Amino acid sequence: MEYDEAGYVVVGGGSAGSVVAALLSGDPAGTVVLVEDGAVTGPGTMGVPSA
């Protein structure tokens, strides 16, 4: 599947951005792109918050 356009672009995949993207994606006729720029912690790794 390939798209040249998006109906909505949500910048930021935090709590609010994820909710907004989920709500917008409820329309099967629309397209949503969620853009997130997280920190790079190294190849194949991710940061885990301490308890």
Protein backbone atom coordinates (compact mmCIF):
# COMPACT_ATOMS: atom_id res chain seq x y z
CA MET A 1 0.00 0.00 0.00
CA GLU A 2 1.45 3.38 -0.99
CA TYR A 3 0.15 6.86 -0.22
CA ASP A 4 1.18 10.19 -1.66
CA GLU A 5 -1.01 12.27 0.66
CA ALA A 6 -2.28 12.17 4.21
CA GLY A 7 -5.57 13.58 5.42
CA TYR A 8 -4.08 14.35 8.84
CA VAL A 9 -0.56 14.68 10.20
CA VAL A 10 -0.18 14.49 13.97
CA VAL A 11 3.20 15.66 15.27
CA GLY A 12 4.17 14.09 18.59
CA GLY A 13 3.33 10.57 19.70
CA GLY A 14 2.97 11.34 23.38
CA SER A 15 -0.22 10.88 25.37
CA ALA A 16 -2.25 13.57 23.60
CA GLY A 17 -0.84 12.92 20.12
CA SER A 18 -1.63 9.23 20.35
CA VAL A 19 -5.20 9.90 21.44
CA VAL A 20 -5.73 12.43 18.65
CA ALA A 21 -4.29 10.03 16.05
CA ALA A 22 -6.49 7.21 17.35
CA LEU A 23 -9.61 9.35 17.15
CA LEU A 24 -8.79 10.56 13.64
CA SER A 25 -8.05 7.03 12.45
CA GLY A 26 -11.60 5.97 13.28
CA ASP A 27 -12.71 7.25 9.86
CA PRO A 28 -11.97 4.46 7.35
CA ALA A 29 -11.95 6.96 4.48
CA GLY A 30 -9.22 9.10 6.05
CA THR A 31 -5.47 8.66 6.44
CA VAL A 32 -3.43 9.62 9.49
CA VAL A 33 0.34 9.96 9.83
CA LEU A 34 1.79 10.08 13.35
CA VAL A 35 5.30 11.58 13.47
CA GLU A 36 7.49 11.07 16.54
CA ASP A 37 11.13 12.04 17.04
CA GLY A 38 12.37 10.15 20.07
CA ALA A 39 15.86 10.11 21.50
CA VAL A 40 18.33 7.68 20.03
CA THR A 41 19.85 5.47 22.74
CA GLY A 42 21.87 3.20 20.48
CA PRO A 43 21.37 0.52 17.87
CA GLY A 44 18.62 -1.90 18.86
CA THR A 45 18.16 -0.44 22.33
CA MET A 46 15.53 1.66 24.03
CA GLY A 47 15.52 3.63 27.23
CA VAL A 48 13.52 2.17 30.10
CA PRO A 49 12.53 4.51 32.94
CA SER A 50 13.64 3.41 36.38
CA ALA A 51 10.99 2.52 38.96
